[in-house]
Amino acid sequence: MTGPMSDLAHPHGLSALDVIVVDGREGQRRALCAAVGAAGPRVRSTSSGFECLRMHQQRPAGVIVCGGGTAPLEALDLCRRLRSTDMGTYTYVLVTRARTSKRDLVEAVRAGADDCLTEPVDADELEARLIAAARVVGACRKLSERNIDLRHDSQVASRAARTDALTGLWNRLRLDEDLDVLQADVSRYGRHLSFAMCDLDQFKRYNDHYGHPAGDDVLRQIGRAIAANLRRADRVYRYGGEEFLVSLPEQKGGDAAAAMERVRCAIETLGIRHAPDAHHSVVTVSVGLAPVALATDRSVTLAVARADRALYVAKARGGNSVATDGEEPDARRASA
């Protein structure tokens, strides 16, 4: 090791740099460690390229100094392995050689090294390379952190775009995406699936009497009540206005009807006082229920349409009821 090491403080972020020195020559390895440590970084060392990889995997290093005592083939192989197992943060690789030709530099860089130094290593030159390495590693870490922030922001924006602003439930955009997935499940695997279209009874009268802000609060309460009375696998969407759509995977017939009857009762039990001229004293819901009948390409969207038709049957019964696709309305009629 030649040349004096600067006695000045290290203003270049070297104290935060973690360095692994790998060299099969014990004396040279100790000298490299001393020189690196004198420049400011934290130092770990090993005589084996395989051990270096293990140490790096356990705690990623910012810089790896691969000394000339590491066999040339092993040194280049170490560089390749480091690049192929990149763990999301950039590692600066500095190779030292007793003789460094231009061809050596090209081969080392191709293998994944960032720079080469000729032995005996000059202390000042080593410090200069470590400062450059700290800048590269720091810039890469900042970029990685920014990418993480951007991915997080993108996920937040994506969820916001698919969430109904009033109720916090999934919206029509998310429904359209989920319908494609549900259709694939039905077509490929023949899975059972039912849809329930829910509509608050005579809700216009509620809004006309109490005002839209009060109506918005009711919609939030109803959305929470529907979601709270479904299974984890079920999903509820704000379909539009006072309508909600529920998907019920792996449920059909009596099981689906029982699930939506539970939802209907939960909403009635909320006891939200309705407008004085409404047919029911509290806010209630009508539900139209339809299973996916056949595993055809449009069976899922057709089931949604059939659930909507069944909803009108429930309305014609006077509301506050669950009707299944194919049922006929009875003699009772109500303006709901």
Protein backbone atom coordinates (compact mmCIF):
# COMPACT_ATOMS: atom_id res chain seq x y z
CA MET A 1 0.00 0.00 0.00
CA THR A 2 1.59 3.29 -1.07
CA GLY A 3 0.94 6.99 -0.46
CA PRO A 4 -0.35 8.82 2.63
CA MET A 5 -4.00 8.63 3.65
CA SER A 6 -5.69 12.00 4.19
CA ASP A 7 -6.13 12.98 7.83
CA LEU A 8 -9.12 15.17 7.06
CA ALA A 9 -12.64 14.27 8.12
CA HIS A 10 -14.63 12.38 5.50
CA PRO A 11 -17.34 14.68 4.11
CA HIS A 12 -18.23 12.40 1.20
CA GLY A 13 -20.54 9.94 3.01
CA LEU A 14 -17.83 7.27 3.29
CA SER A 15 -18.64 6.56 6.94
CA ALA A 16 -22.04 5.24 5.83
CA LEU A 17 -20.48 2.96 3.22
CA ASP A 18 -20.27 -0.77 3.92
CA VAL A 19 -17.34 -2.47 2.14
CA ILE A 20 -16.40 -6.14 1.77
CA VAL A 21 -12.75 -6.86 0.93
CA VAL A 22 -12.07 -10.27 -0.60
CA ASP A 23 -8.48 -11.42 -1.19
CA GLY A 24 -6.83 -14.81 -0.74
CA ARG A 25 -3.55 -13.25 0.42
CA GLU A 26 -3.85 -12.61 4.13
CA GLY A 27 -1.27 -9.81 4.28
CA GLN A 28 -2.69 -7.98 1.26
CA ARG A 29 -6.23 -8.43 2.57
CA ARG A 30 -5.27 -6.86 5.89
CA ALA A 31 -3.55 -3.98 4.12
CA LEU A 32 -6.60 -3.36 1.91
CA CYS A 33 -8.88 -3.48 4.95
CA ALA A 34 -6.69 -0.98 6.78
CA ALA A 35 -6.62 1.37 3.80
CA VAL A 36 -10.39 1.15 3.26
CA GLY A 37 -11.07 1.61 6.97
CA ALA A 38 -8.78 4.64 7.13
CA ALA A 39 -10.87 6.25 4.38
CA GLY A 40 -13.96 5.98 6.55
CA PRO A 41 -16.16 3.02 5.49
CA ARG A 42 -17.12 0.04 7.63
CA VAL A 43 -15.11 -3.01 6.50
CA ARG A 44 -15.75 -6.74 6.40
CA SER A 45 -13.32 -9.19 4.83
CA THR A 46 -12.94 -12.76 3.61
CA SER A 47 -10.49 -14.86 1.62
CA SER A 48 -13.17 -16.60 -0.46
CA GLY A 49 -15.41 -15.37 -3.24
CA PHE A 50 -18.13 -17.80 -2.14
CA GLU A 51 -17.95 -16.50 1.42
CA CYS A 52 -18.09 -12.96 0.04
CA LEU A 53 -21.36 -13.80 -1.74
CA ARG A 54 -22.81 -15.27 1.44
CA MET A 55 -21.84 -12.21 3.48
CA HIS A 56 -23.28 -9.92 0.80
CA GLN A 57 -26.57 -11.86 0.72
CA GLN A 58 -26.89 -11.64 4.50
CA ARG A 59 -26.16 -7.89 4.51
CA PRO A 60 -25.71 -6.19 1.14
CA ALA A 61 -22.49 -4.19 0.82
CA GLY A 62 -22.22 -0.86 -0.96
CA VAL A 63 -18.77 -1.70 -2.35
CA ILE A 64 -16.87 -4.96 -2.86
CA VAL A 65 -13.10 -4.73 -3.31
CA CYS A 66 -11.89 -7.86 -5.08
CA GLY A 67 -8.15 -8.12 -4.52
CA GLY A 68 -5.58 -9.60 -6.82
CA GLY A 69 -5.16 -12.58 -4.52
CA THR A 70 -8.51 -13.83 -5.70
CA ALA A 71 -7.87 -16.08 -8.69
CA PRO A 72 -8.70 -14.16 -11.91
CA LEU A 73 -11.42 -16.60 -12.96
CA GLU A 74 -12.97 -16.56 -9.49
CA ALA A 75 -12.85 -12.77 -9.39
CA LEU A 76 -14.66 -12.43 -12.71
CA ASP A 77 -17.12 -15.16 -11.74
CA LEU A 78 -17.76 -13.33 -8.49
CA CYS A 79 -18.56 -10.17 -10.47
CA ARG A 80 -21.01 -12.07 -12.68
CA ARG A 81 -22.73 -13.70 -9.73
CA LEU A 82 -23.06 -10.37 -7.95
CA ARG A 83 -24.77 -8.83 -10.98
CA SER A 84 -27.05 -11.82 -11.54
CA THR A 85 -28.22 -11.80 -7.91
CA ASP A 86 -28.78 -8.07 -7.62
CA MET A 87 -31.04 -7.52 -4.62
CA GLY A 88 -32.48 -4.21 -5.69
CA THR A 89 -29.61 -2.01 -4.49
CA TYR A 90 -26.51 -1.35 -6.59
CA THR A 91 -23.15 -2.68 -5.41
CA TYR A 92 -19.98 -1.02 -6.72
CA VAL A 93 -17.28 -3.61 -7.55
CA LEU A 94 -13.62 -2.54 -7.53
CA VAL A 95 -11.04 -5.08 -8.77
CA THR A 96 -7.30 -4.81 -8.00
CA ARG A 97 -4.63 -6.47 -10.17
CA ALA A 98 -0.81 -6.70 -10.10
CA ARG A 99 -0.85 -5.70 -13.77
CA THR A 100 -3.85 -3.98 -15.31
CA SER A 101 -3.91 -3.82 -19.08
CA LYS A 102 -6.66 -2.23 -21.12
CA ARG A 103 -7.84 -5.74 -22.00
CA ASP A 104 -8.00 -6.66 -18.31
CA LEU A 105 -10.16 -3.61 -17.68
CA VAL A 106 -12.51 -4.51 -20.54
CA GLU A 107 -12.89 -8.12 -19.33
CA ALA A 108 -13.49 -7.04 -15.74
CA VAL A 109 -16.11 -4.46 -16.72
CA ARG A 110 -17.85 -6.97 -18.97
CA ALA A 111 -17.99 -9.37 -16.05
CA GLY A 112 -19.66 -6.71 -13.88
CA ALA A 113 -16.83 -4.75 -12.28
CA ASP A 114 -17.04 -0.96 -12.14
CA ASP A 115 -13.32 -0.15 -12.02
CA CYS A 116 -9.82 -1.62 -11.69
CA LEU A 117 -6.80 -0.54 -9.67
CA THR A 118 -3.20 -1.59 -10.22
CA GLU A 119 -1.28 -3.11 -7.30
CA PRO A 120 0.34 -1.96 -5.16
CA VAL A 121 -2.76 0.12 -4.51
CA ASP A 122 -2.15 3.79 -3.85
CA ALA A 123 -4.05 4.89 -0.73
CA ASP A 124 -5.10 8.25 -2.16
CA GLU A 125 -6.23 6.65 -5.40
CA LEU A 126 -8.22 4.07 -3.43
CA GLU A 127 -9.88 6.81 -1.39
CA ALA A 128 -10.76 8.69 -4.58
CA ARG A 129 -12.35 5.55 -6.05
CA LEU A 130 -14.30 4.95 -2.83
CA ILE A 131 -15.62 8.54 -2.93
CA ALA A 132 -16.77 7.96 -6.53
CA ALA A 133 -18.29 4.63 -5.47
CA ALA A 134 -20.16 6.31 -2.59
CA ARG A 135 -21.68 8.80 -5.04
CA VAL A 136 -22.82 6.04 -7.42
CA VAL A 137 -24.22 3.86 -4.64
CA GLY A 138 -25.93 6.85 -3.01
CA ALA A 139 -27.51 7.94 -6.29
CA CYS A 140 -28.74 4.40 -6.97
CA ARG A 141 -30.23 4.12 -3.48
CA LYS A 142 -32.04 7.42 -3.89
CA LEU A 143 -33.37 6.26 -7.24
CA SER A 144 -34.49 2.96 -5.70
CA GLU A 145 -36.26 4.78 -2.87
CA ARG A 146 -37.94 7.08 -5.37
CA ASN A 147 -39.08 4.09 -7.40
CA ILE A 148 -40.57 2.57 -4.27
CA ASP A 149 -42.38 5.84 -3.57
CA LEU A 150 -43.62 5.98 -7.15
CA ARG A 151 -44.89 2.41 -6.99
CA HIS A 152 -46.66 3.21 -3.73
CA ASP A 153 -48.17 6.38 -5.20
CA SER A 154 -49.26 4.42 -8.26
CA GLN A 155 -50.92 1.77 -6.09
CA VAL A 156 -52.69 4.45 -4.05
CA ALA A 157 -53.86 6.22 -7.22
CA SER A 158 -54.99 2.92 -8.73
CA ARG A 159 -57.03 2.04 -5.66
CA ALA A 160 -58.52 5.55 -5.48
CA ALA A 161 -59.60 5.31 -9.12
CA ARG A 162 -61.43 2.08 -8.32
CA THR A 163 -63.05 3.19 -5.07
CA ASP A 164 -66.37 4.99 -4.74
CA ALA A 165 -65.59 8.34 -3.12
CA LEU A 166 -68.81 8.45 -1.10
CA THR A 167 -69.07 4.96 0.38
CA GLY A 168 -65.49 3.66 0.13
CA LEU A 169 -66.77 0.57 -1.69
CA TRP A 170 -65.48 -0.66 -5.05
CA ASN A 171 -66.87 1.28 -8.02
CA ARG A 172 -67.95 0.42 -11.58
CA LEU A 173 -64.38 0.49 -12.93
CA ARG A 174 -63.30 -2.16 -10.43
CA LEU A 175 -66.49 -4.10 -11.15
CA ASP A 176 -65.73 -4.21 -14.88
CA GLU A 177 -62.24 -5.56 -14.12
CA ASP A 178 -63.54 -8.13 -11.64
CA LEU A 179 -66.25 -9.32 -14.04
CA ASP A 180 -63.52 -10.42 -16.46
CA VAL A 181 -61.81 -12.42 -13.73
CA LEU A 182 -65.09 -13.96 -12.56
CA GLN A 183 -66.00 -14.87 -16.12
CA ALA A 184 -62.65 -16.65 -16.51
CA ASP A 185 -63.27 -18.62 -13.31
CA VAL A 186 -66.73 -19.65 -14.48
CA SER A 187 -65.62 -20.53 -18.02
CA ARG A 188 -62.47 -22.45 -17.10
CA TYR A 189 -63.44 -24.12 -13.87
CA GLY A 190 -67.26 -24.14 -13.90
CA ARG A 191 -67.41 -22.41 -10.54
CA HIS A 192 -70.73 -21.40 -9.04
CA LEU A 193 -71.44 -17.68 -8.79
CA SER A 194 -74.43 -15.49 -8.01
CA PHE A 195 -75.09 -11.76 -8.21
CA ALA A 196 -77.43 -9.65 -6.10
CA MET A 197 -78.65 -6.21 -7.16
CA CYS A 198 -79.70 -4.14 -4.16
CA ASP A 199 -81.71 -0.92 -4.34
CA LEU A 200 -82.93 1.25 -1.46
CA ASP A 201 -86.71 1.50 -1.43
CA GLN A 202 -88.21 4.89 -2.31
CA PHE A 203 -84.93 6.62 -1.61
CA LYS A 204 -85.88 9.67 -3.64
CA ARG A 205 -88.55 10.42 -1.04
CA TYR A 206 -85.88 10.22 1.67
CA ASN A 207 -83.65 12.69 -0.19
CA ASP A 208 -86.57 15.01 -0.92
CA HIS A 209 -87.57 15.08 2.75
CA TYR A 210 -84.22 15.06 4.59
CA GLY A 211 -81.89 16.46 1.92
CA HIS A 212 -79.01 14.95 -0.04
CA PRO A 213 -76.34 15.31 2.70
CA ALA A 214 -78.50 13.13 4.97
CA GLY A 215 -79.04 10.77 2.04
CA ASP A 216 -75.30 10.49 1.49
CA ASP A 217 -74.84 9.51 5.13
CA VAL A 218 -77.49 6.80 4.72
CA LEU A 219 -75.71 5.42 1.66
CA ARG A 220 -72.49 5.16 3.68
CA GLN A 221 -74.32 3.34 6.48
CA ILE A 222 -75.99 0.96 4.04
CA GLY A 223 -72.70 0.22 2.28
CA ARG A 224 -71.06 -0.66 5.60
CA ALA A 225 -74.00 -2.84 6.60
CA ILE A 226 -73.92 -4.81 3.36
CA ALA A 227 -70.17 -5.36 3.56
CA ALA A 228 -70.32 -6.36 7.24
CA ASN A 229 -72.84 -9.12 6.54
CA LEU A 230 -71.01 -10.80 3.67
CA ARG A 231 -68.28 -13.42 3.61
CA ARG A 232 -64.66 -12.44 3.05
CA ALA A 233 -64.82 -13.86 -0.49
CA ASP A 234 -67.88 -11.77 -1.42
CA ARG A 235 -67.60 -8.26 -2.84
CA VAL A 236 -69.94 -5.29 -2.85
CA TYR A 237 -69.82 -2.46 -5.38
CA ARG A 238 -71.52 0.93 -5.57
CA TYR A 239 -73.38 0.34 -8.80
CA GLY A 240 -74.87 3.80 -9.11
CA GLY A 241 -77.19 6.10 -7.18
CA GLU A 242 -78.74 4.03 -4.41
CA GLU A 243 -77.91 0.70 -6.09
CA PHE A 244 -75.31 -1.79 -4.87
CA LEU A 245 -74.16 -4.98 -6.61
CA VAL A 246 -72.92 -7.98 -4.63
CA SER A 247 -70.92 -10.89 -6.08
CA LEU A 248 -71.28 -14.20 -4.25
CA PRO A 249 -68.64 -16.69 -5.42
CA GLU A 250 -69.37 -20.38 -4.85
CA GLN A 251 -72.96 -19.64 -3.81
CA LYS A 252 -76.18 -20.33 -5.63
CA GLY A 253 -79.81 -21.11 -4.90
CA GLY A 254 -80.79 -21.23 -1.25
CA ASP A 255 -77.35 -20.31 0.10
CA ALA A 256 -77.22 -17.10 -1.93
CA ALA A 257 -80.81 -16.23 -1.02
CA ALA A 258 -80.08 -16.80 2.68
CA ALA A 259 -77.02 -14.56 2.47
CA MET A 260 -78.96 -11.69 0.91
CA GLU A 261 -81.89 -12.16 3.31
CA ARG A 262 -79.36 -11.65 6.10
CA VAL A 263 -78.24 -8.42 4.40
CA ARG A 264 -81.85 -7.26 3.98
CA CYS A 265 -82.59 -7.85 7.67
CA ALA A 266 -79.40 -6.06 8.74
CA ILE A 267 -80.40 -2.94 6.79
CA GLU A 268 -83.92 -2.96 8.19
CA THR A 269 -82.50 -3.42 11.69
CA LEU A 270 -80.48 -0.20 11.31
CA GLY A 271 -83.80 1.54 11.98
CA ILE A 272 -83.07 4.59 9.82
CA ARG A 273 -86.32 6.59 9.87
CA HIS A 274 -87.75 6.99 6.39
CA ALA A 275 -89.66 9.95 4.95
CA PRO A 276 -93.21 10.32 6.35
CA ASP A 277 -94.83 9.49 2.98
CA ALA A 278 -92.73 6.34 2.38
CA HIS A 279 -94.37 2.92 2.46
CA HIS A 280 -91.98 1.68 5.15
CA SER A 281 -91.27 3.50 8.39
CA VAL A 282 -87.54 2.75 8.13
CA VAL A 283 -85.17 2.63 5.18
CA THR A 284 -85.29 -0.81 3.54
CA VAL A 285 -83.74 -2.54 0.56
CA SER A 286 -85.03 -4.66 -2.29
CA VAL A 287 -82.79 -7.38 -3.67
CA GLY A 288 -82.77 -9.16 -7.03
CA LEU A 289 -80.75 -12.36 -7.09
CA ALA A 290 -79.50 -14.38 -10.07
CA PRO A 291 -77.01 -17.26 -10.37
CA VAL A 292 -74.73 -17.72 -13.34
CA ALA A 293 -76.66 -20.33 -15.27
CA LEU A 294 -74.24 -21.59 -17.96
CA ALA A 295 -70.51 -21.30 -18.48
CA THR A 296 -70.81 -19.26 -21.68
CA ASP A 297 -68.62 -16.33 -22.69
CA ARG A 298 -71.22 -13.77 -21.54
CA SER A 299 -72.83 -15.72 -18.70
CA VAL A 300 -71.50 -13.39 -15.99
CA THR A 301 -72.75 -10.14 -17.52
CA LEU A 302 -76.05 -11.83 -18.36
CA ALA A 303 -76.40 -12.88 -14.71
CA VAL A 304 -75.96 -9.24 -13.64
CA ALA A 305 -78.74 -8.24 -16.04
CA ARG A 306 -80.98 -11.02 -14.71
CA ALA A 307 -80.32 -9.89 -11.13
CA ASP A 308 -81.44 -6.40 -12.19
CA ARG A 309 -84.68 -7.84 -13.61
CA ALA A 310 -85.27 -9.82 -10.43
CA LEU A 311 -84.89 -6.57 -8.50
CA TYR A 312 -88.03 -5.24 -10.21
CA VAL A 313 -89.91 -8.32 -9.00
CA ALA A 314 -88.86 -7.50 -5.42
CA LYS A 315 -89.97 -3.88 -5.97
CA ALA A 316 -93.33 -5.01 -7.34
CA ARG A 317 -93.91 -7.02 -4.17
CA GLY A 318 -93.77 -3.81 -2.18
CA GLY A 319 -90.01 -3.69 -1.53
CA ASN A 320 -88.05 -4.88 1.49
CA SER A 321 -87.75 -8.36 0.00
CA VAL A 322 -85.42 -10.71 -1.88
CA ALA A 323 -86.52 -12.04 -5.27
CA THR A 324 -84.71 -14.66 -7.32
CA ASP A 325 -84.46 -14.64 -11.09
CA GLY A 326 -87.43 -16.46 -12.59
CA GLU A 327 -89.88 -15.59 -9.81
CA GLU A 328 -93.07 -13.77 -10.70
CA PRO A 329 -94.33 -10.71 -8.80
CA ASP A 330 -97.45 -11.23 -6.70
CA ALA A 331 -100.54 -9.04 -6.75
CA ARG A 332 -99.08 -6.39 -4.43
CA ARG A 333 -97.75 -3.27 -6.16
CA ALA A 334 -95.76 -0.37 -4.78
CA SER A 335 -94.08 2.68 -6.21
CA ALA A 336 -90.52 2.04 -5.04
